[in-house]
Amino acid sequence: MLAIGDVARRTGLRPSALRYYERLGLLPAPRRESGRRRYDAAVLTRLQVIAFARECGFSLREIGQLFAGQPYSATLRRLASRKLADLEQAIARFHAMQGLLRMALRCECLTLEQCGRRLSSPSAPGRGSR
């Protein structure tokens, strides 16, 4: 059995994070010995899955859904599919932002007004695509 400090050291998490995960239901309530939490070694595997899901961009709420879903793999595929679609949309937005910033690097307008007129012209990049 592992004390909360041992689990924290092994995972790089703070004990407060472990207690928070417990409150959210991401970790099962550990056994208590003399009022102190004692975790089974299986908690380390569960925390590895949580860390993997966090690195993939899943929220704690989504991770809770992942743990609640049966079978696990079907729930993971469903959540991953949704997260991938969100990521693809974000990538498209980032590419658009990148194009606009590159255009800004080529800006030679002398005044704010001149720049505003160019941006509002029908031939300005990004116009008509909204």
N, C-alpha and C. Protein backbone atom coordinates (compact mmCIF):
# COMPACT_ATOMS: atom_id res chain seq x y z
N MET A 1 0.85 -1.18 0.00
CA MET A 1 0.00 0.00 0.00
C MET A 1 0.89 1.24 0.00
N LEU A 2 0.47 2.25 -0.73
CA LEU A 2 1.25 3.47 -0.88
C LEU A 2 0.59 4.64 -0.18
N ALA A 3 1.41 5.41 0.51
CA ALA A 3 0.92 6.65 1.12
C ALA A 3 0.75 7.70 0.03
N ILE A 4 -0.05 8.70 0.30
CA ILE A 4 -0.32 9.73 -0.69
C ILE A 4 0.98 10.43 -1.13
N GLY A 5 1.91 10.61 -0.21
CA GLY A 5 3.19 11.23 -0.56
C GLY A 5 4.00 10.37 -1.51
N ASP A 6 3.94 9.05 -1.32
CA ASP A 6 4.65 8.13 -2.21
C ASP A 6 4.07 8.20 -3.62
N VAL A 7 2.74 8.20 -3.71
CA VAL A 7 2.08 8.28 -5.02
C VAL A 7 2.43 9.62 -5.68
N ALA A 8 2.41 10.67 -4.90
CA ALA A 8 2.73 12.00 -5.43
C ALA A 8 4.15 12.02 -5.99
N ARG A 9 5.11 11.49 -5.25
CA ARG A 9 6.50 11.48 -5.72
C ARG A 9 6.66 10.65 -6.99
N ARG A 10 6.02 9.51 -7.04
CA ARG A 10 6.15 8.62 -8.20
C ARG A 10 5.51 9.19 -9.46
N THR A 11 4.50 10.02 -9.29
CA THR A 11 3.76 10.54 -10.45
C THR A 11 4.09 11.99 -10.79
N GLY A 12 4.76 12.68 -9.87
CA GLY A 12 5.05 14.09 -10.09
C GLY A 12 3.86 15.00 -9.82
N LEU A 13 2.84 14.46 -9.20
CA LEU A 13 1.66 15.25 -8.85
C LEU A 13 1.75 15.68 -7.39
N ARG A 14 1.03 16.72 -7.07
CA ARG A 14 0.94 17.15 -5.67
C ARG A 14 -0.13 16.31 -4.97
N PRO A 15 0.02 16.12 -3.69
CA PRO A 15 -1.02 15.39 -2.95
C PRO A 15 -2.40 16.05 -3.10
N SER A 16 -2.43 17.38 -3.20
CA SER A 16 -3.71 18.06 -3.38
C SER A 16 -4.37 17.67 -4.70
N ALA A 17 -3.57 17.42 -5.73
CA ALA A 17 -4.12 16.98 -7.02
C ALA A 17 -4.72 15.59 -6.88
N LEU A 18 -4.06 14.74 -6.13
CA LEU A 18 -4.59 13.39 -5.91
C LEU A 18 -5.91 13.44 -5.16
N ARG A 19 -5.99 14.29 -4.15
CA ARG A 19 -7.25 14.43 -3.40
C ARG A 19 -8.34 15.01 -4.30
N TYR A 20 -7.96 15.95 -5.18
CA TYR A 20 -8.93 16.54 -6.11
C TYR A 20 -9.43 15.48 -7.09
N TYR A 21 -8.53 14.69 -7.64
CA TYR A 21 -8.94 13.61 -8.54
C TYR A 21 -9.88 12.64 -7.83
N GLU A 22 -9.61 12.40 -6.57
CA GLU A 22 -10.46 11.53 -5.78
C GLU A 22 -11.86 12.13 -5.64
N ARG A 23 -11.92 13.43 -5.33
CA ARG A 23 -13.23 14.12 -5.19
C ARG A 23 -14.02 14.07 -6.49
N LEU A 24 -13.31 14.18 -7.63
CA LEU A 24 -13.99 14.14 -8.93
C LEU A 24 -14.41 12.73 -9.34
N GLY A 25 -13.93 11.73 -8.62
CA GLY A 25 -14.25 10.35 -8.96
C GLY A 25 -13.28 9.74 -9.96
N LEU A 26 -12.19 10.45 -10.27
CA LEU A 26 -11.20 9.90 -11.20
C LEU A 26 -10.35 8.84 -10.52
N LEU A 27 -10.20 8.96 -9.23
CA LEU A 27 -9.49 7.95 -8.43
C LEU A 27 -10.47 7.37 -7.43
N PRO A 28 -10.39 6.06 -7.23
CA PRO A 28 -11.27 5.47 -6.21
C PRO A 28 -10.83 5.91 -4.82
N ALA A 29 -11.76 5.97 -3.92
CA ALA A 29 -11.42 6.35 -2.54
C ALA A 29 -10.48 5.29 -1.98
N PRO A 30 -9.33 5.72 -1.47
CA PRO A 30 -8.36 4.75 -0.96
C PRO A 30 -8.75 4.23 0.43
N ARG A 31 -8.13 3.13 0.78
CA ARG A 31 -8.29 2.63 2.15
C ARG A 31 -7.67 3.63 3.09
N ARG A 32 -8.11 3.60 4.32
CA ARG A 32 -7.54 4.49 5.36
C ARG A 32 -6.94 3.63 6.46
N GLU A 33 -5.75 4.02 6.85
CA GLU A 33 -5.10 3.41 8.01
C GLU A 33 -4.75 4.54 8.96
N SER A 34 -5.32 4.51 10.13
CA SER A 34 -5.12 5.59 11.11
C SER A 34 -5.45 6.95 10.50
N GLY A 35 -6.48 6.97 9.67
CA GLY A 35 -6.93 8.22 9.05
C GLY A 35 -6.12 8.66 7.83
N ARG A 36 -5.08 7.91 7.49
CA ARG A 36 -4.24 8.27 6.35
C ARG A 36 -4.60 7.43 5.13
N ARG A 37 -4.57 8.10 3.97
CA ARG A 37 -4.87 7.41 2.72
C ARG A 37 -3.78 6.39 2.40
N ARG A 38 -4.22 5.20 1.98
CA ARG A 38 -3.32 4.14 1.54
C ARG A 38 -3.84 3.63 0.19
N TYR A 39 -3.05 3.91 -0.84
CA TYR A 39 -3.45 3.56 -2.19
C TYR A 39 -2.88 2.22 -2.61
N ASP A 40 -3.67 1.50 -3.35
CA ASP A 40 -3.23 0.27 -3.99
C ASP A 40 -2.29 0.66 -5.14
N ALA A 41 -1.35 -0.18 -5.48
CA ALA A 41 -0.40 0.12 -6.56
C ALA A 41 -1.11 0.35 -7.90
N ALA A 42 -2.32 -0.18 -8.07
CA ALA A 42 -3.07 0.00 -9.32
C ALA A 42 -3.37 1.48 -9.58
N VAL A 43 -3.33 2.31 -8.55
CA VAL A 43 -3.60 3.74 -8.73
C VAL A 43 -2.55 4.36 -9.66
N LEU A 44 -1.35 3.81 -9.67
CA LEU A 44 -0.29 4.35 -10.53
C LEU A 44 -0.65 4.17 -12.01
N THR A 45 -1.23 3.03 -12.35
CA THR A 45 -1.66 2.79 -13.72
C THR A 45 -2.78 3.75 -14.10
N ARG A 46 -3.72 3.92 -13.19
CA ARG A 46 -4.83 4.84 -13.45
C ARG A 46 -4.31 6.26 -13.65
N LEU A 47 -3.33 6.66 -12.87
CA LEU A 47 -2.75 8.00 -13.01
C LEU A 47 -1.96 8.14 -14.32
N GLN A 48 -1.38 7.05 -14.80
CA GLN A 48 -0.72 7.08 -16.11
C GLN A 48 -1.74 7.33 -17.21
N VAL A 49 -2.89 6.71 -17.09
CA VAL A 49 -3.97 6.91 -18.09
C VAL A 49 -4.46 8.35 -18.01
N ILE A 50 -4.61 8.88 -16.81
CA ILE A 50 -5.04 10.28 -16.65
C ILE A 50 -4.01 11.21 -17.28
N ALA A 51 -2.72 10.96 -17.03
CA ALA A 51 -1.67 11.80 -17.61
C ALA A 51 -1.69 11.72 -19.13
N PHE A 52 -1.87 10.52 -19.68
CA PHE A 52 -1.96 10.35 -21.14
C PHE A 52 -3.14 11.15 -21.69
N ALA A 53 -4.28 11.03 -21.04
CA ALA A 53 -5.48 11.73 -21.51
C ALA A 53 -5.30 13.25 -21.42
N ARG A 54 -4.65 13.72 -20.35
CA ARG A 54 -4.39 15.17 -20.22
C ARG A 54 -3.46 15.65 -21.34
N GLU A 55 -2.43 14.85 -21.66
CA GLU A 55 -1.52 15.21 -22.74
C GLU A 55 -2.24 15.25 -24.09
N CYS A 56 -3.28 14.45 -24.22
CA CYS A 56 -4.07 14.43 -25.46
C CYS A 56 -5.06 15.59 -25.51
N GLY A 57 -5.16 16.36 -24.43
CA GLY A 57 -6.04 17.51 -24.40
C GLY A 57 -7.41 17.25 -23.80
N PHE A 58 -7.61 16.09 -23.22
CA PHE A 58 -8.90 15.80 -22.61
C PHE A 58 -9.04 16.59 -21.31
N SER A 59 -10.24 17.09 -21.08
CA SER A 59 -10.53 17.77 -19.82
C SER A 59 -10.75 16.72 -18.73
N LEU A 60 -10.74 17.16 -17.49
CA LEU A 60 -11.01 16.21 -16.40
C LEU A 60 -12.41 15.63 -16.51
N ARG A 61 -13.34 16.43 -16.98
CA ARG A 61 -14.71 15.93 -17.18
C ARG A 61 -14.73 14.82 -18.23
N GLU A 62 -14.00 15.02 -19.33
CA GLU A 62 -13.93 14.00 -20.37
C GLU A 62 -13.23 12.74 -19.85
N ILE A 63 -12.21 12.93 -19.02
CA ILE A 63 -11.52 11.78 -18.45
C ILE A 63 -12.48 11.00 -17.55
N GLY A 64 -13.33 11.71 -16.83
CA GLY A 64 -14.36 11.04 -16.03
C GLY A 64 -15.29 10.21 -16.89
N GLN A 65 -15.65 10.73 -18.06
CA GLN A 65 -16.49 9.96 -18.99
C GLN A 65 -15.74 8.73 -19.49
N LEU A 66 -14.46 8.92 -19.73
CA LEU A 66 -13.63 7.81 -20.20
C LEU A 66 -13.62 6.67 -19.19
N PHE A 67 -13.49 7.00 -17.92
CA PHE A 67 -13.46 5.98 -16.88
C PHE A 67 -14.83 5.37 -16.64
N ALA A 68 -15.88 6.12 -16.92
CA ALA A 68 -17.24 5.63 -16.67
C ALA A 68 -17.74 4.76 -17.82
N GLY A 69 -17.13 4.91 -19.00
CA GLY A 69 -17.62 4.20 -20.19
C GLY A 69 -17.22 2.75 -20.22
N GLN A 70 -18.13 1.94 -20.70
CA GLN A 70 -17.84 0.52 -20.87
C GLN A 70 -18.23 0.13 -22.28
N PRO A 71 -17.44 -0.52 -23.04
CA PRO A 71 -16.05 -0.82 -22.72
C PRO A 71 -15.17 0.43 -22.87
N TYR A 72 -14.07 0.41 -22.16
CA TYR A 72 -13.13 1.54 -22.14
C TYR A 72 -12.72 1.95 -23.55
N SER A 73 -12.34 0.97 -24.39
CA SER A 73 -11.81 1.29 -25.72
C SER A 73 -12.84 2.00 -26.59
N ALA A 74 -14.11 1.61 -26.50
CA ALA A 74 -15.15 2.26 -27.30
C ALA A 74 -15.33 3.71 -26.85
N THR A 75 -15.29 3.93 -25.54
CA THR A 75 -15.41 5.29 -25.02
C THR A 75 -14.21 6.12 -25.44
N LEU A 76 -13.03 5.53 -25.36
CA LEU A 76 -11.81 6.23 -25.78
C LEU A 76 -11.89 6.61 -27.25
N ARG A 77 -12.33 5.71 -28.10
CA ARG A 77 -12.44 6.01 -29.54
C ARG A 77 -13.44 7.15 -29.79
N ARG A 78 -14.56 7.11 -29.10
CA ARG A 78 -15.58 8.15 -29.27
C ARG A 78 -15.03 9.51 -28.84
N LEU A 79 -14.41 9.56 -27.66
CA LEU A 79 -13.86 10.82 -27.18
C LEU A 79 -12.69 11.29 -28.04
N ALA A 80 -11.85 10.36 -28.47
CA ALA A 80 -10.71 10.71 -29.32
C ALA A 80 -11.18 11.26 -30.66
N SER A 81 -12.23 10.68 -31.21
CA SER A 81 -12.76 11.16 -32.48
C SER A 81 -13.25 12.60 -32.35
N ARG A 82 -13.96 12.88 -31.26
CA ARG A 82 -14.44 14.24 -31.01
C ARG A 82 -13.28 15.22 -30.81
N LYS A 83 -12.29 14.79 -30.02
CA LYS A 83 -11.14 15.65 -29.73
C LYS A 83 -10.33 15.90 -31.00
N LEU A 84 -10.22 14.89 -31.87
CA LEU A 84 -9.49 15.05 -33.13
C LEU A 84 -10.18 16.06 -34.03
N ALA A 85 -11.51 16.02 -34.08
CA ALA A 85 -12.26 17.01 -34.88
C ALA A 85 -12.03 18.42 -34.34
N ASP A 86 -12.05 18.56 -33.02
CA ASP A 86 -11.77 19.87 -32.40
C ASP A 86 -10.37 20.34 -32.74
N LEU A 87 -9.42 19.42 -32.69
CA LEU A 87 -8.03 19.76 -32.98
C LEU A 87 -7.86 20.18 -34.44
N GLU A 88 -8.52 19.49 -35.34
CA GLU A 88 -8.43 19.85 -36.76
C GLU A 88 -9.00 21.25 -37.01
N GLN A 89 -10.08 21.59 -36.33
CA GLN A 89 -10.64 22.95 -36.44
C GLN A 89 -9.66 23.98 -35.89
N ALA A 90 -9.04 23.66 -34.77
CA ALA A 90 -8.06 24.58 -34.18
C ALA A 90 -6.86 24.76 -35.10
N ILE A 91 -6.42 23.68 -35.72
CA ILE A 91 -5.29 23.77 -36.65
C ILE A 91 -5.65 24.67 -37.82
N ALA A 92 -6.86 24.53 -38.34
CA ALA A 92 -7.29 25.39 -39.45
C ALA A 92 -7.30 26.85 -39.02
N ARG A 93 -7.78 27.11 -37.80
CA ARG A 93 -7.77 28.50 -37.29
C ARG A 93 -6.33 29.00 -37.14
N PHE A 94 -5.45 28.16 -36.65
CA PHE A 94 -4.05 28.56 -36.47
C PHE A 94 -3.38 28.85 -37.82
N HIS A 95 -3.70 28.05 -38.83
CA HIS A 95 -3.14 28.31 -40.16
C HIS A 95 -3.64 29.65 -40.71
N ALA A 96 -4.92 29.93 -40.49
CA ALA A 96 -5.47 31.22 -40.92
C ALA A 96 -4.79 32.36 -40.17
N MET A 97 -4.61 32.20 -38.87
CA MET A 97 -3.91 33.21 -38.08
C MET A 97 -2.48 33.40 -38.57
N GLN A 98 -1.84 32.30 -38.88
CA GLN A 98 -0.46 32.35 -39.37
C GLN A 98 -0.38 33.16 -40.66
N GLY A 99 -1.33 32.93 -41.56
CA GLY A 99 -1.37 33.69 -42.82
C GLY A 99 -1.58 35.17 -42.57
N LEU A 100 -2.48 35.49 -41.66
CA LEU A 100 -2.73 36.89 -41.35
C LEU A 100 -1.50 37.55 -40.71
N LEU A 101 -0.82 36.84 -39.85
CA LEU A 101 0.37 37.40 -39.21
C LEU A 101 1.50 37.59 -40.23
N ARG A 102 1.61 36.66 -41.17
CA ARG A 102 2.62 36.84 -42.24
C ARG A 102 2.29 38.07 -43.07
N MET A 103 0.99 38.26 -43.33
CA MET A 103 0.57 39.45 -44.06
C MET A 103 0.91 40.70 -43.25
N ALA A 104 0.71 40.65 -41.95
CA ALA A 104 1.02 41.80 -41.09
C ALA A 104 2.52 42.11 -41.12
N LEU A 105 3.34 41.09 -41.24
CA LEU A 105 4.78 41.32 -41.31
C LEU A 105 5.18 42.06 -42.58
N ARG A 106 4.34 41.98 -43.61
CA ARG A 106 4.63 42.68 -44.88
C ARG A 106 3.95 44.05 -44.94
N CYS A 107 3.23 44.41 -43.88
CA CYS A 107 2.49 45.67 -43.87
C CYS A 107 3.44 46.86 -43.94
N GLU A 108 3.12 47.79 -44.84
CA GLU A 108 3.92 49.01 -44.96
C GLU A 108 3.03 50.25 -44.84
N CYS A 109 1.85 50.06 -44.26
CA CYS A 109 0.94 51.19 -44.08
C CYS A 109 1.58 52.21 -43.13
N LEU A 110 1.35 53.47 -43.44
CA LEU A 110 1.90 54.53 -42.62
C LEU A 110 0.97 54.93 -41.48
N THR A 111 -0.32 54.68 -41.66
CA THR A 111 -1.29 55.08 -40.64
C THR A 111 -2.29 53.94 -40.38
N LEU A 112 -2.93 54.04 -39.25
CA LEU A 112 -3.97 53.09 -38.89
C LEU A 112 -5.11 53.16 -39.91
N GLU A 113 -5.45 54.36 -40.35
CA GLU A 113 -6.55 54.55 -41.29
C GLU A 113 -6.25 53.86 -42.62
N GLN A 114 -5.01 54.02 -43.10
CA GLN A 114 -4.62 53.39 -44.36
C GLN A 114 -4.75 51.86 -44.24
N CYS A 115 -4.29 51.34 -43.15
CA CYS A 115 -4.38 49.90 -42.93
C CYS A 115 -5.85 49.46 -42.87
N GLY A 116 -6.66 50.22 -42.17
CA GLY A 116 -8.09 49.91 -42.06
C GLY A 116 -8.77 49.90 -43.41
N ARG A 117 -8.44 50.88 -44.27
CA ARG A 117 -9.03 50.91 -45.61
C ARG A 117 -8.64 49.68 -46.41
N ARG A 118 -7.39 49.28 -46.30
CA ARG A 118 -6.93 48.08 -47.03
C ARG A 118 -7.63 46.83 -46.52
N LEU A 119 -7.81 46.74 -45.22
CA LEU A 119 -8.47 45.56 -44.66
C LEU A 119 -9.95 45.50 -45.02
N SER A 120 -10.56 46.66 -45.20
CA SER A 120 -11.99 46.66 -45.50
C SER A 120 -12.28 46.55 -47.00
N SER A 121 -11.25 46.58 -47.83
CA SER A 121 -11.49 46.46 -49.27
C SER A 121 -11.91 45.04 -49.61
N PRO A 122 -12.78 44.89 -50.62
CA PRO A 122 -13.28 43.56 -50.99
C PRO A 122 -12.18 42.58 -51.38
N SER A 123 -11.05 43.06 -51.82
CA SER A 123 -9.98 42.16 -52.26
C SER A 123 -9.02 41.78 -51.13
N ALA A 124 -9.29 42.27 -49.91
CA ALA A 124 -8.41 41.97 -48.78
C ALA A 124 -8.45 40.49 -48.45
N PRO A 125 -7.31 39.90 -48.07
CA PRO A 125 -7.29 38.49 -47.72
C PRO A 125 -8.25 38.21 -46.57
N GLY A 126 -8.96 37.11 -46.67
CA GLY A 126 -9.90 36.74 -45.63
C GLY A 126 -11.29 37.32 -45.82
N ARG A 127 -11.44 38.28 -46.74
CA ARG A 127 -12.76 38.87 -46.99
C ARG A 127 -13.58 37.91 -47.84
N GLY A 128 -14.84 37.85 -47.58
CA GLY A 128 -15.75 37.01 -48.36
C GLY A 128 -15.71 35.55 -47.96
N SER A 129 -14.78 35.15 -47.11
CA SER A 129 -14.72 33.76 -46.69
C SER A 129 -15.39 33.54 -45.34
N ARG A 130 -15.96 34.59 -44.79
CA ARG A 130 -16.60 34.44 -43.47
C ARG A 130 -18.06 34.18 -43.58
